[in-house]
Amino acid sequence: MPRAAPDGAPPAAREAGCGLHRRLHAALEPAELSAVGAVRRRLRAVLDRWGIPPERADTAELLASELITNALVHTRAGAVFDAELTPDGLLRIEVRDAATGLPGRRAPGEYATSGRGLLLVEALADDWGVQLRGEGKVTWFELGPS
């Protein structure tokens, strides 16, 4: 019997041409900050499998962990993570949470250990934004084909 992929996808989802082949989904419980590392590892594994160059994968991994951490810390609720690689090579990552307040950029002090997440997203992503949806919001970013 074939084994599941490291990201939990069934064997059929790894076959070329399968729509599931280019998606990753994870749900995180409230205050589950330890899960950020696990999502990063799963993301890296699928990005490698999708053939994403290491520099682009590094950026995706960093920005995804920033958005997930922001959702878990600032909303005190769980989060839903989705990554998708479109047929034309666009990588889109979304983090959905239950908060309806829009995130805002902060001006961290020189020695601050937090407050730079959205600044990084703005600087490194090709595009990004926030969409209010029902009882929450989705914060997303995109990295174009390299």
C-alpha atoms as a PDB file:
ATOM      1  CA  MET A   1       0.000   0.000   0.000  1.00  0.00           C
ATOM      2  CA  PRO A   2       1.479   3.421  -0.961  1.00  0.00           C
ATOM      3  CA  ARG A   3       2.433   5.719   1.869  1.00  0.00           C
ATOM      4  CA  ALA A   4       1.158   9.265   2.326  1.00  0.00           C
ATOM      5  CA  ALA A   5       3.473  12.155   1.511  1.00  0.00           C
ATOM      6  CA  PRO A   6       5.255  13.987   4.365  1.00  0.00           C
ATOM      7  CA  ASP A   7       2.632  16.734   4.056  1.00  0.00           C
ATOM      8  CA  GLY A   8      -0.135  14.174   4.615  1.00  0.00           C
ATOM      9  CA  ALA A   9      -1.353  14.232   1.016  1.00  0.00           C
ATOM     10  CA  PRO A  10      -2.638  10.885  -0.235  1.00  0.00           C
ATOM     11  CA  PRO A  11      -0.409   9.160  -2.836  1.00  0.00           C
ATOM     12  CA  ALA A  12      -2.771  10.068  -5.699  1.00  0.00           C
ATOM     13  CA  ALA A  13      -2.371  13.747  -4.839  1.00  0.00           C
ATOM     14  CA  ARG A  14       1.333  13.542  -5.677  1.00  0.00           C
ATOM     15  CA  GLU A  15       0.759  12.485  -9.276  1.00  0.00           C
ATOM     16  CA  ALA A  16       1.483  15.004 -12.009  1.00  0.00           C
ATOM     17  CA  GLY A  17      -1.601  16.844 -13.193  1.00  0.00           C
ATOM     18  CA  CYS A  18      -3.607  16.233 -10.034  1.00  0.00           C
ATOM     19  CA  GLY A  19      -5.236  19.414  -8.726  1.00  0.00           C
ATOM     20  CA  LEU A  20      -4.379  18.485  -5.136  1.00  0.00           C
ATOM     21  CA  HIS A  21      -0.717  18.248  -6.086  1.00  0.00           C
ATOM     22  CA  ARG A  22      -0.266  21.987  -5.769  1.00  0.00           C
ATOM     23  CA  ARG A  23      -2.128  22.787  -2.537  1.00  0.00           C
ATOM     24  CA  LEU A  24      -1.254  22.648   1.122  1.00  0.00           C
ATOM     25  CA  HIS A  25      -3.766  23.180   3.927  1.00  0.00           C
ATOM     26  CA  ALA A  26      -3.325  23.311   7.702  1.00  0.00           C
ATOM     27  CA  ALA A  27      -5.569  24.319  10.602  1.00  0.00           C
ATOM     28  CA  LEU A  28      -3.958  25.640  13.763  1.00  0.00           C
ATOM     29  CA  GLU A  29      -5.508  25.756  17.210  1.00  0.00           C
ATOM     30  CA  PRO A  30      -5.601  28.967  19.283  1.00  0.00           C
ATOM     31  CA  ALA A  31      -2.226  29.891  20.819  1.00  0.00           C
ATOM     32  CA  GLU A  32      -0.571  26.886  19.144  1.00  0.00           C
ATOM     33  CA  LEU A  33       2.670  28.755  18.436  1.00  0.00           C
ATOM     34  CA  SER A  34       4.646  25.517  18.483  1.00  0.00           C
ATOM     35  CA  ALA A  35       2.766  24.517  15.313  1.00  0.00           C
ATOM     36  CA  VAL A  36       4.356  27.351  13.317  1.00  0.00           C
ATOM     37  CA  GLY A  37       7.542  25.303  12.926  1.00  0.00           C
ATOM     38  CA  ALA A  38       5.592  22.252  11.793  1.00  0.00           C
ATOM     39  CA  VAL A  39       3.757  24.278   9.147  1.00  0.00           C
ATOM     40  CA  ARG A  40       7.076  25.741   7.976  1.00  0.00           C
ATOM     41  CA  ARG A  41       8.530  22.228   7.582  1.00  0.00           C
ATOM     42  CA  ARG A  42       5.456  21.017   5.671  1.00  0.00           C
ATOM     43  CA  LEU A  43       5.553  24.098   3.462  1.00  0.00           C
ATOM     44  CA  ARG A  44       9.267  23.621   2.728  1.00  0.00           C
ATOM     45  CA  ALA A  45       8.701  19.964   1.848  1.00  0.00           C
ATOM     46  CA  VAL A  46       5.937  20.732  -0.663  1.00  0.00           C
ATOM     47  CA  LEU A  47       7.797  23.707  -2.136  1.00  0.00           C
ATOM     48  CA  ASP A  48      10.787  21.427  -2.716  1.00  0.00           C
ATOM     49  CA  ARG A  49       8.495  18.820  -4.279  1.00  0.00           C
ATOM     50  CA  TRP A  50       6.920  21.496  -6.489  1.00  0.00           C
ATOM     51  CA  GLY A  51      10.386  22.503  -7.701  1.00  0.00           C
ATOM     52  CA  ILE A  52      10.397  25.983  -6.148  1.00  0.00           C
ATOM     53  CA  PRO A  53      13.957  27.411  -6.098  1.00  0.00           C
ATOM     54  CA  PRO A  54      15.512  27.618  -2.603  1.00  0.00           C
ATOM     55  CA  GLU A  55      15.607  31.438  -2.497  1.00  0.00           C
ATOM     56  CA  ARG A  56      11.901  31.680  -3.323  1.00  0.00           C
ATOM     57  CA  ALA A  57      11.111  28.886  -0.841  1.00  0.00           C
ATOM     58  CA  ASP A  58      13.078  30.732   1.883  1.00  0.00           C
ATOM     59  CA  THR A  59      11.000  33.866   1.287  1.00  0.00           C
ATOM     60  CA  ALA A  60       7.711  31.931   1.259  1.00  0.00           C
ATOM     61  CA  GLU A  61       8.617  30.118   4.457  1.00  0.00           C
ATOM     62  CA  LEU A  62       9.610  33.325   6.268  1.00  0.00           C
ATOM     63  CA  LEU A  63       6.531  35.290   5.211  1.00  0.00           C
ATOM     64  CA  ALA A  64       4.155  32.402   5.929  1.00  0.00           C
ATOM     65  CA  SER A  65       5.527  32.038   9.446  1.00  0.00           C
ATOM     66  CA  GLU A  66       5.104  35.788  10.009  1.00  0.00           C
ATOM     67  CA  LEU A  67       1.441  35.704   8.948  1.00  0.00           C
ATOM     68  CA  ILE A  68       0.682  32.567  10.977  1.00  0.00           C
ATOM     69  CA  THR A  69       2.384  33.956  14.071  1.00  0.00           C
ATOM     70  CA  ASN A  70       0.519  37.265  13.725  1.00  0.00           C
ATOM     71  CA  ALA A  71      -2.803  35.443  13.467  1.00  0.00           C
ATOM     72  CA  LEU A  72      -2.134  33.282  16.514  1.00  0.00           C
ATOM     73  CA  VAL A  73      -0.673  36.033  18.711  1.00  0.00           C
ATOM     74  CA  HIS A  74      -2.870  38.987  17.842  1.00  0.00           C
ATOM     75  CA  THR A  75      -6.244  37.271  17.499  1.00  0.00           C
ATOM     76  CA  ARG A  76      -6.049  34.737  20.346  1.00  0.00           C
ATOM     77  CA  ALA A  77      -7.878  32.336  18.060  1.00  0.00           C
ATOM     78  CA  GLY A  78      -6.924  29.614  15.660  1.00  0.00           C
ATOM     79  CA  ALA A  79      -5.852  30.120  12.075  1.00  0.00           C
ATOM     80  CA  VAL A  80      -6.205  28.334   8.759  1.00  0.00           C
ATOM     81  CA  PHE A  81      -3.217  28.214   6.414  1.00  0.00           C
ATOM     82  CA  ASP A  82      -3.441  27.562   2.675  1.00  0.00           C
ATOM     83  CA  ALA A  83      -0.718  27.552   0.033  1.00  0.00           C
ATOM     84  CA  GLU A  84      -1.327  27.082  -3.663  1.00  0.00           C
ATOM     85  CA  LEU A  85       0.904  26.991  -6.713  1.00  0.00           C
ATOM     86  CA  THR A  86      -1.044  27.943  -9.833  1.00  0.00           C
ATOM     87  CA  PRO A  87      -0.352  26.339 -13.222  1.00  0.00           C
ATOM     88  CA  ASP A  88       1.473  29.515 -14.314  1.00  0.00           C
ATOM     89  CA  GLY A  89       3.842  29.328 -11.291  1.00  0.00           C
ATOM     90  CA  LEU A  90       2.271  31.934  -8.992  1.00  0.00           C
ATOM     91  CA  LEU A  91       2.605  30.967  -5.327  1.00  0.00           C
ATOM     92  CA  ARG A  92      -0.232  32.300  -3.153  1.00  0.00           C
ATOM     93  CA  ILE A  93      -0.280  31.847   0.598  1.00  0.00           C
ATOM     94  CA  GLU A  94      -3.270  32.775   2.760  1.00  0.00           C
ATOM     95  CA  VAL A  95      -3.787  32.814   6.527  1.00  0.00           C
ATOM     96  CA  ARG A  96      -7.395  33.082   7.702  1.00  0.00           C
ATOM     97  CA  ASP A  97      -8.346  34.043  11.241  1.00  0.00           C
ATOM     98  CA  ALA A  98     -11.519  34.997  13.103  1.00  0.00           C
ATOM     99  CA  ALA A  99     -10.575  38.614  13.856  1.00  0.00           C
ATOM    100  CA  THR A 100     -12.314  41.357  11.891  1.00  0.00           C
ATOM    101  CA  GLY A 101      -9.784  44.056  12.697  1.00  0.00           C
ATOM    102  CA  LEU A 102      -7.342  44.858   9.934  1.00  0.00           C
ATOM    103  CA  PRO A 103      -3.670  44.368  10.729  1.00  0.00           C
ATOM    104  CA  GLY A 104      -1.556  47.484  10.827  1.00  0.00           C
ATOM    105  CA  ARG A 105       2.100  48.175  10.322  1.00  0.00           C
ATOM    106  CA  ARG A 106       3.964  48.996  13.479  1.00  0.00           C
ATOM    107  CA  ALA A 107       7.039  51.136  13.998  1.00  0.00           C
ATOM    108  CA  PRO A 108       9.198  48.905  16.178  1.00  0.00           C
ATOM    109  CA  GLY A 109      12.096  50.414  18.048  1.00  0.00           C
ATOM    110  CA  GLU A 110      15.639  49.582  17.052  1.00  0.00           C
ATOM    111  CA  TYR A 111      15.947  46.828  19.657  1.00  0.00           C
ATOM    112  CA  ALA A 112      12.377  45.508  19.504  1.00  0.00           C
ATOM    113  CA  THR A 113      12.060  41.761  19.077  1.00  0.00           C
ATOM    114  CA  SER A 114       8.708  41.918  17.284  1.00  0.00           C
ATOM    115  CA  GLY A 115       6.626  44.205  15.099  1.00  0.00           C
ATOM    116  CA  ARG A 116       8.324  43.696  11.735  1.00  0.00           C
ATOM    117  CA  GLY A 117       6.135  40.984  10.215  1.00  0.00           C
ATOM    118  CA  LEU A 118       4.052  43.119   7.866  1.00  0.00           C
ATOM    119  CA  LEU A 119       7.101  45.203   6.977  1.00  0.00           C
ATOM    120  CA  LEU A 120       8.783  42.000   5.798  1.00  0.00           C
ATOM    121  CA  VAL A 121       5.697  40.929   3.861  1.00  0.00           C
ATOM    122  CA  GLU A 122       5.484  44.326   2.185  1.00  0.00           C
ATOM    123  CA  ALA A 123       9.186  44.320   1.311  1.00  0.00           C
ATOM    124  CA  LEU A 124       9.547  40.740   0.066  1.00  0.00           C
ATOM    125  CA  ALA A 125       6.201  39.708  -1.452  1.00  0.00           C
ATOM    126  CA  ASP A 126       5.314  40.561  -5.034  1.00  0.00           C
ATOM    127  CA  ASP A 127       1.797  41.386  -3.847  1.00  0.00           C
ATOM    128  CA  TRP A 128      -0.102  41.103  -0.575  1.00  0.00           C
ATOM    129  CA  GLY A 129      -3.287  42.223   1.080  1.00  0.00           C
ATOM    130  CA  VAL A 130      -6.076  41.636   3.551  1.00  0.00           C
ATOM    131  CA  GLN A 131      -9.665  40.694   2.740  1.00  0.00           C
ATOM    132  CA  LEU A 132     -12.507  40.735   5.235  1.00  0.00           C
ATOM    133  CA  ARG A 133     -14.554  37.552   4.895  1.00  0.00           C
ATOM    134  CA  GLY A 134     -17.641  36.750   6.937  1.00  0.00           C
ATOM    135  CA  GLU A 135     -16.558  36.504  10.550  1.00  0.00           C
ATOM    136  CA  GLY A 136     -12.887  37.114  10.009  1.00  0.00           C
ATOM    137  CA  LYS A 137     -10.232  38.009   7.506  1.00  0.00           C
ATOM    138  CA  VAL A 138      -7.661  36.535   5.175  1.00  0.00           C
ATOM    139  CA  THR A 139      -4.165  37.974   5.006  1.00  0.00           C
ATOM    140  CA  TRP A 140      -2.364  36.805   1.883  1.00  0.00           C
ATOM    141  CA  PHE A 141       0.760  37.243  -0.184  1.00  0.00           C
ATOM    142  CA  GLU A 142       1.916  36.157  -3.593  1.00  0.00           C
ATOM    143  CA  LEU A 143       5.313  35.339  -5.035  1.00  0.00           C
ATOM    144  CA  GLY A 144       5.482  35.315  -8.798  1.00  0.00           C
ATOM    145  CA  PRO A 145       7.357  32.769 -10.863  1.00  0.00           C
ATOM    146  CA  SER A 146      11.087  33.205 -10.657  1.00  0.00           C
END
